[in-house]
Amino acid sequence: MATSDGLPSDQQRSRCCFLEWMRLQESDLAELLEALSLRDDPGDRHRRQLIGRNIEHFEEYIGKRRSLSQEDVAGFFAPAWNTAIENSMMWLAGCRPSIFVRLVYVLCGAEVEASLSEFVEGARMGNLGELTASQLAGINALQIDPTMHLTKHIYCMQGRTIGEEEKLTSRMASLQEKIADQPIVAIARRTNQGVEPGSEADAALDECEREMLAIMGDADRLRLNTLKEMVGALTPPQAVDFLVASKKLHLCIHEWGKRRNHKHGRD
């Protein structure tokens, strides 16, 4: 059944979920920006609460996606509500978790360069330009040693994440290769052009979608866990700085994608 805008009802529900998430991103970003300039925050209490809420919001969004994807999981791998540029950059229905670590490195370098004179003089910036040597060493080590134990301040980051990404990418590749395997090929060969797929074809595709559902669920868990671990490795001011940058990046890519869609007549 289609809605008034022409989208099937499950797609419309999924689109509404995404738009609600984007509005929440904008709202969270405004609070985070305010927290960046906060000078009186004993024990970083307000920042910690704000960081916790942002993590909870992401977890809730993942839960809603999981529920909606039970009806049409394939729609989340190439969402109609995304722009073309966003879909071209997607990894298993979302972003690559390792981008969180890469973002921290980029921000660290950019902020140190922008405030080089203050940094040399020893002025505290309270942001990602102020990552300590032990934080950077820990993150670096964890890129190549996925077996390193978690500590209070430095969590397992890119090494384990990239390893898990590779496993999930391999699972998706194997699923894609099944399209050229039995029984799908045999069903396609027996099917006449223009004939509606029968129950046998539907059963084969349902099996593929069950595996897609499992892959998406594991990818979402990896995204959430990596985000939690990254935030846990940073001080509250640094974590706020990181969350601001990640939300700005997400919102900007979406807006830039909309402009490009319009430019190429994809509205």
C-alpha atoms as a PDB file:
ATOM      1  CA  MET A   1       0.000   0.000   0.000  1.00  0.00           C
ATOM      2  CA  ALA A   2       1.325   3.453  -0.979  1.00  0.00           C
ATOM      3  CA  THR A   3       1.028   6.688   0.976  1.00  0.00           C
ATOM      4  CA  SER A   4       0.049  10.107  -0.389  1.00  0.00           C
ATOM      5  CA  ASP A   5       3.642  10.855  -1.466  1.00  0.00           C
ATOM      6  CA  GLY A   6       3.829   7.655  -3.523  1.00  0.00           C
ATOM      7  CA  LEU A   7       6.149   5.731  -1.194  1.00  0.00           C
ATOM      8  CA  PRO A   8       5.079   2.308   0.119  1.00  0.00           C
ATOM      9  CA  SER A   9       3.973   2.518   3.747  1.00  0.00           C
ATOM     10  CA  ASP A  10       7.025   0.634   5.159  1.00  0.00           C
ATOM     11  CA  GLN A  11       9.364   2.917   3.214  1.00  0.00           C
ATOM     12  CA  GLN A  12       7.475   5.950   4.494  1.00  0.00           C
ATOM     13  CA  ARG A  13       7.839   4.757   8.090  1.00  0.00           C
ATOM     14  CA  SER A  14      11.558   4.215   7.539  1.00  0.00           C
ATOM     15  CA  ARG A  15      11.906   7.630   5.898  1.00  0.00           C
ATOM     16  CA  CYS A  16      10.103   9.271   8.838  1.00  0.00           C
ATOM     17  CA  CYS A  17      12.469   7.478  11.225  1.00  0.00           C
ATOM     18  CA  PHE A  18      15.467   8.845   9.305  1.00  0.00           C
ATOM     19  CA  LEU A  19      14.096  12.413   9.158  1.00  0.00           C
ATOM     20  CA  GLU A  20      13.349  12.301  12.882  1.00  0.00           C
ATOM     21  CA  TRP A  21      16.933  11.162  13.468  1.00  0.00           C
ATOM     22  CA  MET A  22      18.309  14.035  11.371  1.00  0.00           C
ATOM     23  CA  ARG A  23      16.222  16.559  13.322  1.00  0.00           C
ATOM     24  CA  LEU A  24      17.531  15.061  16.554  1.00  0.00           C
ATOM     25  CA  GLN A  25      21.087  15.348  15.198  1.00  0.00           C
ATOM     26  CA  GLU A  26      20.526  19.072  14.649  1.00  0.00           C
ATOM     27  CA  SER A  27      19.088  19.494  18.144  1.00  0.00           C
ATOM     28  CA  ASP A  28      21.940  17.542  19.741  1.00  0.00           C
ATOM     29  CA  LEU A  29      24.474  19.539  17.741  1.00  0.00           C
ATOM     30  CA  ALA A  30      23.103  22.826  19.115  1.00  0.00           C
ATOM     31  CA  GLU A  31      23.490  21.535  22.696  1.00  0.00           C
ATOM     32  CA  LEU A  32      26.975  20.224  22.014  1.00  0.00           C
ATOM     33  CA  LEU A  33      28.096  23.529  20.525  1.00  0.00           C
ATOM     34  CA  GLU A  34      26.853  25.294  23.645  1.00  0.00           C
ATOM     35  CA  ALA A  35      28.743  22.809  25.815  1.00  0.00           C
ATOM     36  CA  LEU A  36      31.963  23.488  23.880  1.00  0.00           C
ATOM     37  CA  SER A  37      32.047  27.054  25.164  1.00  0.00           C
ATOM     38  CA  LEU A  38      31.011  26.104  28.687  1.00  0.00           C
ATOM     39  CA  ARG A  39      33.565  27.397  31.216  1.00  0.00           C
ATOM     40  CA  ASP A  40      31.901  26.545  34.512  1.00  0.00           C
ATOM     41  CA  ASP A  41      31.193  22.795  34.564  1.00  0.00           C
ATOM     42  CA  PRO A  42      32.545  21.225  37.789  1.00  0.00           C
ATOM     43  CA  GLY A  43      33.701  17.694  37.082  1.00  0.00           C
ATOM     44  CA  ASP A  44      32.428  18.052  33.522  1.00  0.00           C
ATOM     45  CA  ARG A  45      29.069  16.934  34.871  1.00  0.00           C
ATOM     46  CA  HIS A  46      26.978  18.654  32.185  1.00  0.00           C
ATOM     47  CA  ARG A  47      29.238  17.490  29.375  1.00  0.00           C
ATOM     48  CA  ARG A  48      29.152  13.903  30.621  1.00  0.00           C
ATOM     49  CA  GLN A  49      25.348  13.949  30.754  1.00  0.00           C
ATOM     50  CA  LEU A  50      25.180  15.414  27.273  1.00  0.00           C
ATOM     51  CA  ILE A  51      27.588  12.822  25.885  1.00  0.00           C
ATOM     52  CA  GLY A  52      25.536  10.050  27.496  1.00  0.00           C
ATOM     53  CA  ARG A  53      22.317  11.383  25.949  1.00  0.00           C
ATOM     54  CA  ASN A  54      23.922  11.482  22.513  1.00  0.00           C
ATOM     55  CA  ILE A  55      24.977   7.854  22.811  1.00  0.00           C
ATOM     56  CA  GLU A  56      21.481   6.913  23.993  1.00  0.00           C
ATOM     57  CA  HIS A  57      19.933   8.712  21.023  1.00  0.00           C
ATOM     58  CA  PHE A  58      22.108   6.736  18.610  1.00  0.00           C
ATOM     59  CA  GLU A  59      21.249   3.489  20.377  1.00  0.00           C
ATOM     60  CA  GLU A  60      17.531   4.299  20.196  1.00  0.00           C
ATOM     61  CA  TYR A  61      17.817   5.088  16.486  1.00  0.00           C
ATOM     62  CA  ILE A  62      19.513   1.756  15.855  1.00  0.00           C
ATOM     63  CA  GLY A  63      16.702   0.019  17.745  1.00  0.00           C
ATOM     64  CA  LYS A  64      14.066   1.708  15.591  1.00  0.00           C
ATOM     65  CA  ARG A  65      15.949   0.775  12.423  1.00  0.00           C
ATOM     66  CA  ARG A  66      16.174  -2.820  13.585  1.00  0.00           C
ATOM     67  CA  SER A  67      12.424  -2.961  14.110  1.00  0.00           C
ATOM     68  CA  LEU A  68      11.609  -1.341  10.747  1.00  0.00           C
ATOM     69  CA  SER A  69      14.106  -3.468   8.845  1.00  0.00           C
ATOM     70  CA  GLN A  70      12.161  -6.624   9.731  1.00  0.00           C
ATOM     71  CA  GLU A  71       9.715  -5.629   6.974  1.00  0.00           C
ATOM     72  CA  ASP A  72      12.148  -4.442   4.282  1.00  0.00           C
ATOM     73  CA  VAL A  73      15.805  -4.849   5.147  1.00  0.00           C
ATOM     74  CA  ALA A  74      16.999  -4.351   1.549  1.00  0.00           C
ATOM     75  CA  GLY A  75      15.602  -0.824   1.648  1.00  0.00           C
ATOM     76  CA  PHE A  76      18.162   0.104   4.314  1.00  0.00           C
ATOM     77  CA  PHE A  77      21.110  -0.887   2.106  1.00  0.00           C
ATOM     78  CA  ALA A  78      20.130   1.698  -0.558  1.00  0.00           C
ATOM     79  CA  PRO A  79      17.635   3.995   1.194  1.00  0.00           C
ATOM     80  CA  ALA A  80      15.253   6.016  -0.961  1.00  0.00           C
ATOM     81  CA  TRP A  81      15.430   8.761   1.691  1.00  0.00           C
ATOM     82  CA  ASN A  82      19.193   9.165   1.283  1.00  0.00           C
ATOM     83  CA  THR A  83      20.865  11.199  -1.425  1.00  0.00           C
ATOM     84  CA  ALA A  84      22.829   9.474  -4.173  1.00  0.00           C
ATOM     85  CA  ILE A  85      26.168  10.603  -2.731  1.00  0.00           C
ATOM     86  CA  GLU A  86      25.231   9.233   0.699  1.00  0.00           C
ATOM     87  CA  ASN A  87      24.249   5.863  -0.741  1.00  0.00           C
ATOM     88  CA  SER A  88      27.495   5.690  -2.722  1.00  0.00           C
ATOM     89  CA  MET A  89      29.458   6.073   0.532  1.00  0.00           C
ATOM     90  CA  MET A  90      27.453   3.608   2.614  1.00  0.00           C
ATOM     91  CA  TRP A  91      28.919   0.485   4.157  1.00  0.00           C
ATOM     92  CA  LEU A  92      26.358  -2.158   5.141  1.00  0.00           C
ATOM     93  CA  ALA A  93      23.443   0.256   5.633  1.00  0.00           C
ATOM     94  CA  GLY A  94      25.475   2.938   7.411  1.00  0.00           C
ATOM     95  CA  CYS A  95      28.923   4.444   7.890  1.00  0.00           C
ATOM     96  CA  ARG A  96      32.127   2.512   8.445  1.00  0.00           C
ATOM     97  CA  PRO A  97      32.790   2.390  12.215  1.00  0.00           C
ATOM     98  CA  SER A  98      36.513   2.961  11.645  1.00  0.00           C
ATOM     99  CA  ILE A  99      35.659   6.440  10.353  1.00  0.00           C
ATOM    100  CA  PHE A 100      35.207   7.473  14.003  1.00  0.00           C
ATOM    101  CA  VAL A 101      38.885   6.829  14.721  1.00  0.00           C
ATOM    102  CA  ARG A 102      40.019   8.452  11.481  1.00  0.00           C
ATOM    103  CA  LEU A 103      37.949  11.521  12.343  1.00  0.00           C
ATOM    104  CA  VAL A 104      39.727  11.902  15.685  1.00  0.00           C
ATOM    105  CA  TYR A 105      43.146  11.805  14.005  1.00  0.00           C
ATOM    106  CA  VAL A 106      42.100  14.378  11.411  1.00  0.00           C
ATOM    107  CA  LEU A 107      40.614  16.685  14.033  1.00  0.00           C
ATOM    108  CA  CYS A 108      43.637  16.326  16.287  1.00  0.00           C
ATOM    109  CA  GLY A 109      45.999  17.415  13.512  1.00  0.00           C
ATOM    110  CA  ALA A 110      43.763  20.233  12.306  1.00  0.00           C
ATOM    111  CA  GLU A 111      43.260  21.720  15.760  1.00  0.00           C
ATOM    112  CA  VAL A 112      46.924  21.542  16.691  1.00  0.00           C
ATOM    113  CA  GLU A 113      47.812  23.317  13.446  1.00  0.00           C
ATOM    114  CA  ALA A 114      45.112  25.962  13.951  1.00  0.00           C
ATOM    115  CA  SER A 115      46.277  26.699  17.519  1.00  0.00           C
ATOM    116  CA  LEU A 116      49.980  26.025  17.121  1.00  0.00           C
ATOM    117  CA  SER A 117      51.178  29.096  18.990  1.00  0.00           C
ATOM    118  CA  GLU A 118      48.967  28.323  22.008  1.00  0.00           C
ATOM    119  CA  PHE A 119      50.023  24.675  21.897  1.00  0.00           C
ATOM    120  CA  VAL A 120      53.726  25.553  21.919  1.00  0.00           C
ATOM    121  CA  GLU A 121      53.193  27.937  24.832  1.00  0.00           C
ATOM    122  CA  GLY A 122      51.450  25.192  26.796  1.00  0.00           C
ATOM    123  CA  ALA A 123      47.986  26.748  26.786  1.00  0.00           C
ATOM    124  CA  ARG A 124      45.234  24.212  27.380  1.00  0.00           C
ATOM    125  CA  MET A 125      42.732  23.948  24.546  1.00  0.00           C
ATOM    126  CA  GLY A 126      40.561  21.259  26.123  1.00  0.00           C
ATOM    127  CA  ASN A 127      39.788  19.752  22.736  1.00  0.00           C
ATOM    128  CA  LEU A 128      41.144  17.161  20.342  1.00  0.00           C
ATOM    129  CA  GLY A 129      44.224  19.244  19.713  1.00  0.00           C
ATOM    130  CA  GLU A 130      45.159  18.341  23.252  1.00  0.00           C
ATOM    131  CA  LEU A 131      45.218  14.541  23.035  1.00  0.00           C
ATOM    132  CA  THR A 132      47.964  13.288  25.309  1.00  0.00           C
ATOM    133  CA  ALA A 133      50.855  11.164  24.141  1.00  0.00           C
ATOM    134  CA  SER A 134      49.445   8.183  26.045  1.00  0.00           C
ATOM    135  CA  GLN A 135      46.041   8.587  24.388  1.00  0.00           C
ATOM    136  CA  LEU A 136      47.594   8.704  20.920  1.00  0.00           C
ATOM    137  CA  ALA A 137      49.965   5.842  21.716  1.00  0.00           C
ATOM    138  CA  GLY A 138      47.075   3.760  22.982  1.00  0.00           C
ATOM    139  CA  ILE A 139      44.937   4.425  19.927  1.00  0.00           C
ATOM    140  CA  ASN A 140      47.902   3.719  17.631  1.00  0.00           C
ATOM    141  CA  ALA A 141      48.739   0.470  19.402  1.00  0.00           C
ATOM    142  CA  LEU A 142      45.149  -0.646  19.247  1.00  0.00           C
ATOM    143  CA  GLN A 143      45.129  -0.207  15.493  1.00  0.00           C
ATOM    144  CA  ILE A 144      47.525  -3.111  15.143  1.00  0.00           C
ATOM    145  CA  ASP A 145      46.827  -5.146  18.275  1.00  0.00           C
ATOM    146  CA  PRO A 146      43.167  -6.222  18.437  1.00  0.00           C
ATOM    147  CA  THR A 147      43.854  -8.424  21.483  1.00  0.00           C
ATOM    148  CA  MET A 148      44.849  -5.572  23.806  1.00  0.00           C
ATOM    149  CA  HIS A 149      42.677  -5.405  26.925  1.00  0.00           C
ATOM    150  CA  LEU A 150      40.366  -2.456  27.582  1.00  0.00           C
ATOM    151  CA  THR A 151      41.424   0.092  30.179  1.00  0.00           C
ATOM    152  CA  LYS A 152      39.490   2.900  31.804  1.00  0.00           C
ATOM    153  CA  HIS A 153      40.827   5.592  29.484  1.00  0.00           C
ATOM    154  CA  ILE A 154      41.947   3.835  26.312  1.00  0.00           C
ATOM    155  CA  TYR A 155      39.679   1.362  24.594  1.00  0.00           C
ATOM    156  CA  CYS A 156      40.171  -1.025  21.748  1.00  0.00           C
ATOM    157  CA  MET A 157      39.821   1.114  18.623  1.00  0.00           C
ATOM    158  CA  GLN A 158      40.695   0.830  15.006  1.00  0.00           C
ATOM    159  CA  GLY A 159      42.538  -2.499  14.898  1.00  0.00           C
ATOM    160  CA  ARG A 160      39.645  -4.541  16.228  1.00  0.00           C
ATOM    161  CA  THR A 161      37.118  -2.417  14.360  1.00  0.00           C
ATOM    162  CA  ILE A 162      38.832  -2.877  11.008  1.00  0.00           C
ATOM    163  CA  GLY A 163      39.085  -6.602  11.654  1.00  0.00           C
ATOM    164  CA  GLU A 164      35.352  -6.791  12.370  1.00  0.00           C
ATOM    165  CA  GLU A 165      34.611  -4.636   9.319  1.00  0.00           C
ATOM    166  CA  GLU A 166      36.547  -7.052   7.132  1.00  0.00           C
ATOM    167  CA  LYS A 167      34.608 -10.028   8.497  1.00  0.00           C
ATOM    168  CA  LEU A 168      31.268  -8.340   7.824  1.00  0.00           C
ATOM    169  CA  THR A 169      32.394  -7.203   4.358  1.00  0.00           C
ATOM    170  CA  SER A 170      33.360 -10.792   3.598  1.00  0.00           C
ATOM    171  CA  ARG A 171      29.950 -12.037   4.766  1.00  0.00           C
ATOM    172  CA  MET A 172      28.221  -9.522   2.501  1.00  0.00           C
ATOM    173  CA  ALA A 173      30.437 -10.500  -0.440  1.00  0.00           C
ATOM    174  CA  SER A 174      29.555 -14.167   0.094  1.00  0.00           C
ATOM    175  CA  LEU A 175      25.871 -13.274   0.168  1.00  0.00           C
ATOM    176  CA  GLN A 176      26.182 -11.302  -3.071  1.00  0.00           C
ATOM    177  CA  GLU A 177      27.911 -14.253  -4.709  1.00  0.00           C
ATOM    178  CA  LYS A 178      24.937 -16.453  -3.809  1.00  0.00           C
ATOM    179  CA  ILE A 179      22.961 -14.642  -6.512  1.00  0.00           C
ATOM    180  CA  ALA A 180      24.962 -16.702  -9.034  1.00  0.00           C
ATOM    181  CA  ASP A 181      24.554 -19.951  -7.069  1.00  0.00           C
ATOM    182  CA  GLN A 182      21.848 -22.534  -6.715  1.00  0.00           C
ATOM    183  CA  PRO A 183      18.912 -22.345  -6.235  1.00  0.00           C
ATOM    184  CA  ILE A 184      18.553 -18.773  -7.536  1.00  0.00           C
ATOM    185  CA  VAL A 185      20.226 -19.426 -10.885  1.00  0.00           C
ATOM    186  CA  ALA A 186      18.143 -22.570 -11.446  1.00  0.00           C
ATOM    187  CA  ILE A 187      14.938 -20.669 -10.640  1.00  0.00           C
ATOM    188  CA  ALA A 188      15.907 -17.808 -12.970  1.00  0.00           C
ATOM    189  CA  ARG A 189      16.661 -20.214 -15.825  1.00  0.00           C
ATOM    190  CA  ARG A 190      13.238 -21.830 -15.491  1.00  0.00           C
ATOM    191  CA  THR A 191      11.412 -18.512 -15.304  1.00  0.00           C
ATOM    192  CA  ASN A 192       9.991 -16.985 -18.480  1.00  0.00           C
ATOM    193  CA  GLN A 193      10.579 -13.290 -19.126  1.00  0.00           C
ATOM    194  CA  GLY A 194       7.860 -11.120 -17.608  1.00  0.00           C
ATOM    195  CA  VAL A 195       6.454 -13.908 -15.441  1.00  0.00           C
ATOM    196  CA  GLU A 196       5.843 -13.060 -11.788  1.00  0.00           C
ATOM    197  CA  PRO A 197       8.285 -14.828  -9.443  1.00  0.00           C
ATOM    198  CA  GLY A 198       6.777 -17.833  -7.730  1.00  0.00           C
ATOM    199  CA  SER A 199       6.959 -19.020  -4.142  1.00  0.00           C
ATOM    200  CA  GLU A 200      10.288 -20.759  -4.777  1.00  0.00           C
ATOM    201  CA  ALA A 201      11.932 -17.476  -5.852  1.00  0.00           C
ATOM    202  CA  ASP A 202      10.375 -15.629  -2.927  1.00  0.00           C
ATOM    203  CA  ALA A 203      11.705 -18.253  -0.514  1.00  0.00           C
ATOM    204  CA  ALA A 204      15.238 -17.914  -1.943  1.00  0.00           C
ATOM    205  CA  LEU A 205      15.120 -14.115  -1.693  1.00  0.00           C
ATOM    206  CA  ASP A 206      13.663 -14.297   1.822  1.00  0.00           C
ATOM    207  CA  GLU A 207      16.669 -16.371   2.864  1.00  0.00           C
ATOM    208  CA  CYS A 208      19.015 -13.708   1.436  1.00  0.00           C
ATOM    209  CA  GLU A 209      17.162 -10.987   3.304  1.00  0.00           C
ATOM    210  CA  ARG A 210      17.427 -12.898   6.584  1.00  0.00           C
ATOM    211  CA  GLU A 211      21.193 -12.914   6.168  1.00  0.00           C
ATOM    212  CA  MET A 212      21.146  -9.202   5.243  1.00  0.00           C
ATOM    213  CA  LEU A 213      19.183  -8.531   8.418  1.00  0.00           C
ATOM    214  CA  ALA A 214      21.808 -10.332  10.501  1.00  0.00           C
ATOM    215  CA  ILE A 215      24.660  -8.485   8.764  1.00  0.00           C
ATOM    216  CA  MET A 216      23.007  -5.104   9.258  1.00  0.00           C
ATOM    217  CA  GLY A 217      22.379  -5.869  12.932  1.00  0.00           C
ATOM    218  CA  ASP A 218      26.033  -6.818  13.478  1.00  0.00           C
ATOM    219  CA  ALA A 219      27.223  -3.748  11.569  1.00  0.00           C
ATOM    220  CA  ASP A 220      24.999  -1.474  13.676  1.00  0.00           C
ATOM    221  CA  ARG A 221      26.315  -3.049  16.878  1.00  0.00           C
ATOM    222  CA  LEU A 222      29.871  -2.471  15.682  1.00  0.00           C
ATOM    223  CA  ARG A 223      29.077   1.165  14.883  1.00  0.00           C
ATOM    224  CA  LEU A 224      27.559   1.709  18.330  1.00  0.00           C
ATOM    225  CA  ASN A 225      30.326  -0.091  20.226  1.00  0.00           C
ATOM    226  CA  THR A 226      33.067   1.766  18.354  1.00  0.00           C
ATOM    227  CA  LEU A 227      31.400   5.095  19.068  1.00  0.00           C
ATOM    228  CA  LYS A 228      31.116   4.240  22.769  1.00  0.00           C
ATOM    229  CA  GLU A 229      34.749   3.150  22.933  1.00  0.00           C
ATOM    230  CA  MET A 230      35.999   6.230  21.117  1.00  0.00           C
ATOM    231  CA  VAL A 231      34.073   8.585  23.405  1.00  0.00           C
ATOM    232  CA  GLY A 232      35.359   6.624  26.402  1.00  0.00           C
ATOM    233  CA  ALA A 233      38.971   7.160  25.309  1.00  0.00           C
ATOM    234  CA  LEU A 234      38.555  10.936  25.266  1.00  0.00           C
ATOM    235  CA  THR A 235      38.125  13.504  28.020  1.00  0.00           C
ATOM    236  CA  PRO A 236      34.611  15.019  28.192  1.00  0.00           C
ATOM    237  CA  PRO A 237      35.661  18.235  26.376  1.00  0.00           C
ATOM    238  CA  GLN A 238      37.402  16.169  23.703  1.00  0.00           C
ATOM    239  CA  ALA A 239      34.392  13.861  23.366  1.00  0.00           C
ATOM    240  CA  VAL A 240      32.091  16.860  22.905  1.00  0.00           C
ATOM    241  CA  ASP A 241      34.486  18.232  20.277  1.00  0.00           C
ATOM    242  CA  PHE A 242      34.445  14.867  18.482  1.00  0.00           C
ATOM    243  CA  LEU A 243      30.646  14.547  18.587  1.00  0.00           C
ATOM    244  CA  VAL A 244      30.235  18.065  17.205  1.00  0.00           C
ATOM    245  CA  ALA A 245      32.510  17.253  14.284  1.00  0.00           C
ATOM    246  CA  SER A 246      30.856  13.912  13.531  1.00  0.00           C
ATOM    247  CA  LYS A 247      27.353  15.409  13.543  1.00  0.00           C
ATOM    248  CA  LYS A 248      28.420  18.357  11.408  1.00  0.00           C
ATOM    249  CA  LEU A 249      29.973  15.945   8.922  1.00  0.00           C
ATOM    250  CA  HIS A 250      26.821  13.822   8.761  1.00  0.00           C
ATOM    251  CA  LEU A 251      24.495  16.804   8.355  1.00  0.00           C
ATOM    252  CA  CYS A 252      26.733  18.511   5.794  1.00  0.00           C
ATOM    253  CA  ILE A 253      27.076  15.403   3.604  1.00  0.00           C
ATOM    254  CA  HIS A 254      23.285  15.084   3.594  1.00  0.00           C
ATOM    255  CA  GLU A 255      22.770  18.731   2.602  1.00  0.00           C
ATOM    256  CA  TRP A 256      25.518  18.672  -0.016  1.00  0.00           C
ATOM    257  CA  GLY A 257      24.003  15.486  -1.413  1.00  0.00           C
ATOM    258  CA  LYS A 258      20.599  17.153  -1.730  1.00  0.00           C
ATOM    259  CA  ARG A 259      22.151  19.977  -3.739  1.00  0.00           C
ATOM    260  CA  ARG A 260      23.858  17.495  -6.056  1.00  0.00           C
ATOM    261  CA  ASN A 261      20.628  15.545  -6.457  1.00  0.00           C
ATOM    262  CA  HIS A 262      18.912  18.767  -7.532  1.00  0.00           C
ATOM    263  CA  LYS A 263      21.797  19.602  -9.891  1.00  0.00           C
ATOM    264  CA  HIS A 264      21.460  16.220 -11.614  1.00  0.00           C
ATOM    265  CA  GLY A 265      17.644  16.200 -11.639  1.00  0.00           C
ATOM    266  CA  ARG A 266      17.259  13.539  -8.966  1.00  0.00           C
ATOM    267  CA  ASP A 267      14.807  15.452  -6.762  1.00  0.00           C
END
